[in-house]
C-alpha cells in the first residue's frame, strides 16, 4: 500500500467498456510527512474518496483484488481513506485538522 493525496478527478469519455462507471482519481504520492514526493498516479476509486483527502492505494496485480476492480484492466486502486497516522508515537496527520 502507498500513501497519496487526491489531487482531483480524471474524466475519460472513451475507454475500455469494463471501466464504464468507475471514478478515476489523480493522486499525488506523498511521504510519511504528508509532503509530495513529486510522483503521481491515476487510480480507480473503490471507496468514494474526494479531492484533498489522504488515501491508501495499491498498484500492480494487487489493484485488481478489490470487488470494484476484480477482472478489470487497472494498475492502481484507492482502497482506503486515511483518518490519521502517527510515527514514533507522534501524530503526523488527523483528518479535519488540515
N, C-alpha and C. Protein backbone atom coordinates (compact mmCIF):
# COMPACT_ATOMS: atom_id res chain seq x y z
N UNK A 1 0.84 -1.18 0.00
CA UNK A 1 0.00 0.00 0.00
C UNK A 1 0.88 1.24 0.00
N UNK A 2 0.34 2.29 -0.58
CA UNK A 2 1.06 3.55 -0.69
C UNK A 2 0.17 4.69 -0.23
N UNK A 3 0.80 5.75 0.27
CA UNK A 3 0.09 6.92 0.75
C UNK A 3 0.07 7.99 -0.34
N UNK A 4 -1.08 8.62 -0.53
CA UNK A 4 -1.21 9.68 -1.54
C UNK A 4 -2.31 10.65 -1.13
N UNK A 5 -2.31 11.80 -1.79
CA UNK A 5 -3.36 12.80 -1.59
C UNK A 5 -4.13 12.93 -2.90
N UNK A 6 -5.45 12.96 -2.80
CA UNK A 6 -6.28 13.11 -4.00
C UNK A 6 -6.16 14.54 -4.51
N UNK A 7 -5.66 14.66 -5.74
CA UNK A 7 -5.49 15.98 -6.36
C UNK A 7 -6.73 16.39 -7.15
N UNK A 8 -7.46 15.42 -7.68
CA UNK A 8 -8.64 15.72 -8.47
C UNK A 8 -9.12 14.50 -9.22
N UNK A 9 -10.06 14.72 -10.14
CA UNK A 9 -10.64 13.64 -10.93
C UNK A 9 -10.06 13.62 -12.33
N UNK A 10 -10.11 12.45 -12.94
CA UNK A 10 -9.73 12.29 -14.34
C UNK A 10 -10.98 11.83 -15.07
N UNK A 11 -11.36 12.53 -16.13
CA UNK A 11 -12.56 12.20 -16.90
C UNK A 11 -12.13 11.65 -18.26
N UNK A 12 -12.71 10.52 -18.62
CA UNK A 12 -12.41 9.89 -19.90
C UNK A 12 -13.72 9.36 -20.48
N UNK A 13 -14.17 9.96 -21.57
CA UNK A 13 -15.42 9.53 -22.17
C UNK A 13 -15.25 8.30 -23.05
N UNK A 14 -14.06 8.08 -23.55
CA UNK A 14 -13.77 6.90 -24.38
C UNK A 14 -12.80 6.01 -23.63
N UNK A 15 -13.25 4.81 -23.28
CA UNK A 15 -12.38 3.89 -22.55
C UNK A 15 -12.88 2.46 -22.72
N UNK A 16 -12.08 1.52 -22.31
CA UNK A 16 -12.44 0.10 -22.30
C UNK A 16 -13.77 -0.04 -21.57
N UNK A 17 -14.71 -0.78 -22.14
CA UNK A 17 -16.07 -0.86 -21.59
C UNK A 17 -16.12 -1.41 -20.17
N UNK A 18 -15.15 -2.23 -19.77
CA UNK A 18 -15.17 -2.76 -18.39
C UNK A 18 -14.85 -1.66 -17.37
N UNK A 19 -14.40 -0.50 -17.83
CA UNK A 19 -14.11 0.62 -16.93
C UNK A 19 -15.28 1.60 -16.83
N UNK A 20 -16.35 1.37 -17.61
CA UNK A 20 -17.51 2.25 -17.55
C UNK A 20 -18.06 2.30 -16.13
N UNK A 21 -18.35 3.50 -15.68
CA UNK A 21 -18.93 3.69 -14.35
C UNK A 21 -17.92 3.80 -13.22
N UNK A 22 -16.64 3.60 -13.51
CA UNK A 22 -15.62 3.70 -12.47
C UNK A 22 -15.10 5.14 -12.40
N UNK A 23 -14.95 5.67 -11.19
CA UNK A 23 -14.41 7.00 -10.98
C UNK A 23 -12.89 6.91 -10.97
N UNK A 24 -12.24 7.79 -11.73
CA UNK A 24 -10.79 7.84 -11.79
C UNK A 24 -10.30 9.07 -11.04
N UNK A 25 -9.27 8.88 -10.23
CA UNK A 25 -8.71 9.98 -9.44
C UNK A 25 -7.24 10.19 -9.78
N UNK A 26 -6.81 11.44 -9.77
CA UNK A 26 -5.40 11.78 -9.90
C UNK A 26 -4.85 11.90 -8.48
N UNK A 27 -3.83 11.10 -8.18
CA UNK A 27 -3.24 11.08 -6.85
C UNK A 27 -1.84 11.65 -6.90
N UNK A 28 -1.50 12.42 -5.89
CA UNK A 28 -0.13 12.89 -5.69
C UNK A 28 0.49 12.04 -4.60
N UNK A 29 1.52 11.30 -4.94
CA UNK A 29 2.16 10.40 -3.97
C UNK A 29 2.86 11.24 -2.90
N UNK A 30 2.72 10.83 -1.64
CA UNK A 30 3.31 11.57 -0.53
C UNK A 30 4.22 10.68 0.30
N UNK A 31 5.08 11.34 1.04
CA UNK A 31 5.93 10.64 2.00
C UNK A 31 5.22 10.56 3.34
N UNK A 32 5.89 9.98 4.35
CA UNK A 32 5.27 9.82 5.66
C UNK A 32 4.97 11.14 6.37
N UNK A 33 5.59 12.23 5.90
CA UNK A 33 5.32 13.54 6.46
C UNK A 33 4.14 14.23 5.78
N UNK A 34 3.55 13.56 4.75
CA UNK A 34 2.43 14.12 4.02
C UNK A 34 2.83 15.05 2.90
N UNK A 35 4.13 15.25 2.72
CA UNK A 35 4.61 16.15 1.66
C UNK A 35 4.74 15.39 0.35
N UNK A 36 4.43 16.04 -0.76
CA UNK A 36 4.51 15.39 -2.07
C UNK A 36 5.92 14.91 -2.38
N UNK A 37 6.01 13.74 -3.00
CA UNK A 37 7.30 13.22 -3.43
C UNK A 37 7.61 13.62 -4.86
N UNK A 38 6.64 14.16 -5.56
CA UNK A 38 6.80 14.54 -6.95
C UNK A 38 6.18 13.55 -7.91
N UNK A 39 5.82 12.37 -7.42
CA UNK A 39 5.19 11.37 -8.27
C UNK A 39 3.68 11.50 -8.27
N UNK A 40 3.06 10.95 -9.29
CA UNK A 40 1.60 10.94 -9.36
C UNK A 40 1.14 9.65 -10.02
N UNK A 41 -0.13 9.34 -9.83
CA UNK A 41 -0.72 8.13 -10.41
C UNK A 41 -2.21 8.35 -10.58
N UNK A 42 -2.78 7.74 -11.61
CA UNK A 42 -4.23 7.72 -11.79
C UNK A 42 -4.72 6.39 -11.24
N UNK A 43 -5.75 6.44 -10.40
CA UNK A 43 -6.25 5.23 -9.75
C UNK A 43 -7.77 5.18 -9.80
N UNK A 44 -8.30 3.98 -9.85
CA UNK A 44 -9.74 3.77 -9.74
C UNK A 44 -10.11 3.96 -8.27
N UNK A 45 -11.22 4.64 -8.02
CA UNK A 45 -11.69 4.89 -6.66
C UNK A 45 -12.68 3.80 -6.24
N UNK A 46 -12.31 3.00 -5.25
CA UNK A 46 -13.18 1.94 -4.77
C UNK A 46 -13.89 2.31 -3.46
N UNK A 47 -13.62 3.52 -2.92
CA UNK A 47 -14.14 3.85 -1.60
C UNK A 47 -14.84 5.21 -1.50
N UNK A 48 -14.96 5.96 -2.59
CA UNK A 48 -15.64 7.24 -2.54
C UNK A 48 -14.79 8.37 -2.01
N UNK A 49 -13.52 8.38 -2.32
CA UNK A 49 -12.61 9.44 -1.85
C UNK A 49 -12.88 10.73 -2.61
N UNK A 50 -12.49 11.83 -1.98
CA UNK A 50 -12.68 13.14 -2.60
C UNK A 50 -11.41 13.96 -2.62
N UNK A 51 -11.44 15.01 -3.39
CA UNK A 51 -10.28 15.89 -3.54
C UNK A 51 -9.81 16.39 -2.17
N UNK A 52 -8.49 16.36 -1.98
CA UNK A 52 -7.89 16.84 -0.73
C UNK A 52 -7.72 15.78 0.34
N UNK A 53 -8.34 14.62 0.17
CA UNK A 53 -8.21 13.57 1.18
C UNK A 53 -6.93 12.76 0.96
N UNK A 54 -6.38 12.29 2.07
CA UNK A 54 -5.28 11.34 2.00
C UNK A 54 -5.88 9.94 1.89
N UNK A 55 -5.25 9.13 1.05
CA UNK A 55 -5.77 7.79 0.79
C UNK A 55 -4.62 6.78 0.76
N UNK A 56 -5.00 5.52 0.86
CA UNK A 56 -4.07 4.42 0.61
C UNK A 56 -4.45 3.80 -0.71
N UNK A 57 -3.45 3.54 -1.54
CA UNK A 57 -3.74 2.90 -2.82
C UNK A 57 -2.79 1.73 -3.02
N UNK A 58 -3.24 0.79 -3.80
CA UNK A 58 -2.42 -0.36 -4.19
C UNK A 58 -2.19 -0.29 -5.68
N UNK A 59 -1.08 -0.84 -6.12
CA UNK A 59 -0.79 -0.85 -7.55
C UNK A 59 -0.33 -2.23 -7.98
N UNK A 60 -0.25 -2.41 -9.28
CA UNK A 60 0.14 -3.70 -9.83
C UNK A 60 -1.00 -4.71 -9.70
N UNK A 61 -0.67 -5.97 -9.60
CA UNK A 61 -1.70 -7.01 -9.55
C UNK A 61 -2.60 -6.87 -8.33
N UNK A 62 -2.12 -6.27 -7.25
CA UNK A 62 -2.95 -6.05 -6.06
C UNK A 62 -4.12 -5.13 -6.35
N UNK A 63 -3.98 -4.26 -7.35
CA UNK A 63 -5.03 -3.31 -7.69
C UNK A 63 -6.26 -4.01 -8.27
N UNK A 64 -6.11 -5.23 -8.70
CA UNK A 64 -7.24 -5.95 -9.28
C UNK A 64 -7.88 -6.92 -8.28
N UNK A 65 -7.61 -6.72 -7.00
CA UNK A 65 -8.13 -7.64 -5.98
C UNK A 65 -9.20 -7.03 -5.11
N UNK A 66 -9.84 -5.94 -5.55
CA UNK A 66 -10.99 -5.40 -4.82
C UNK A 66 -12.26 -5.81 -5.55
N UNK A 67 -13.38 -5.70 -4.90
CA UNK A 67 -14.66 -6.02 -5.52
C UNK A 67 -14.87 -5.12 -6.74
N UNK A 68 -14.50 -3.85 -6.63
CA UNK A 68 -14.70 -2.88 -7.70
C UNK A 68 -13.84 -3.16 -8.93
N UNK A 69 -12.63 -3.66 -8.71
CA UNK A 69 -11.66 -3.79 -9.81
C UNK A 69 -11.40 -5.23 -10.26
N UNK A 70 -12.06 -6.19 -9.66
CA UNK A 70 -11.82 -7.59 -10.00
C UNK A 70 -11.99 -7.84 -11.50
N UNK A 71 -10.95 -8.35 -12.12
CA UNK A 71 -11.00 -8.69 -13.54
C UNK A 71 -10.96 -7.51 -14.49
N UNK A 72 -10.65 -6.32 -13.97
CA UNK A 72 -10.61 -5.13 -14.81
C UNK A 72 -9.15 -4.72 -15.08
N UNK A 73 -8.90 -4.07 -16.21
CA UNK A 73 -7.53 -3.69 -16.57
C UNK A 73 -7.06 -2.42 -15.86
N UNK A 74 -6.85 -2.53 -14.54
CA UNK A 74 -6.39 -1.38 -13.77
C UNK A 74 -5.05 -1.68 -13.12
N UNK A 75 -4.27 -0.63 -12.92
CA UNK A 75 -2.96 -0.79 -12.31
C UNK A 75 -2.85 -0.09 -10.96
N UNK A 76 -3.90 0.67 -10.58
CA UNK A 76 -3.90 1.33 -9.27
C UNK A 76 -5.34 1.50 -8.80
N UNK A 77 -5.55 1.30 -7.48
CA UNK A 77 -6.89 1.44 -6.90
C UNK A 77 -6.79 2.08 -5.52
N UNK A 78 -7.66 3.06 -5.27
CA UNK A 78 -7.79 3.65 -3.94
C UNK A 78 -8.67 2.70 -3.14
N UNK A 79 -8.15 2.23 -2.00
CA UNK A 79 -8.89 1.24 -1.22
C UNK A 79 -9.12 1.66 0.22
N UNK A 80 -8.65 2.85 0.61
CA UNK A 80 -8.90 3.33 1.97
C UNK A 80 -8.73 4.84 2.01
N UNK A 81 -9.56 5.48 2.83
CA UNK A 81 -9.42 6.91 3.12
C UNK A 81 -8.77 7.01 4.49
N UNK A 82 -7.70 7.77 4.60
CA UNK A 82 -6.93 7.85 5.84
C UNK A 82 -7.59 8.82 6.81
N UNK A 83 -7.78 8.36 8.05
CA UNK A 83 -8.30 9.22 9.11
C UNK A 83 -7.18 9.87 9.90
N UNK A 84 -6.10 9.13 10.12
CA UNK A 84 -4.95 9.67 10.85
C UNK A 84 -3.77 8.74 10.67
N UNK A 85 -2.59 9.27 10.99
CA UNK A 85 -1.41 8.41 11.11
C UNK A 85 -0.44 9.03 12.09
N UNK A 86 0.34 8.15 12.71
CA UNK A 86 1.37 8.61 13.62
C UNK A 86 2.66 7.86 13.34
N UNK A 87 3.75 8.48 13.71
CA UNK A 87 5.07 7.88 13.55
C UNK A 87 5.81 8.06 14.86
N UNK A 88 6.28 6.96 15.42
CA UNK A 88 7.01 7.02 16.68
C UNK A 88 6.20 7.61 17.81
N UNK A 89 4.90 7.36 17.81
CA UNK A 89 4.03 7.86 18.87
C UNK A 89 3.61 9.31 18.69
N UNK A 90 4.08 9.96 17.63
CA UNK A 90 3.70 11.35 17.39
C UNK A 90 2.73 11.42 16.23
N UNK A 91 1.56 12.00 16.49
CA UNK A 91 0.57 12.12 15.43
C UNK A 91 1.07 13.07 14.36
N UNK A 92 1.03 12.61 13.10
CA UNK A 92 1.51 13.40 11.98
C UNK A 92 0.35 13.99 11.18
N UNK A 93 -0.80 13.33 11.24
CA UNK A 93 -1.96 13.81 10.49
C UNK A 93 -3.23 13.30 11.13
N UNK A 94 -4.25 14.16 11.18
CA UNK A 94 -5.61 13.79 11.59
C UNK A 94 -6.56 14.49 10.65
N UNK A 95 -7.46 13.70 10.05
CA UNK A 95 -8.43 14.26 9.11
C UNK A 95 -9.25 15.33 9.79
N UNK A 96 -9.42 16.45 9.10
CA UNK A 96 -10.18 17.56 9.64
C UNK A 96 -9.31 18.62 10.30
N UNK A 97 -8.05 18.27 10.62
CA UNK A 97 -7.14 19.24 11.24
C UNK A 97 -6.30 19.98 10.21
N UNK A 98 -6.47 19.61 8.93
CA UNK A 98 -5.62 20.24 7.90
C UNK A 98 -6.24 21.44 7.26
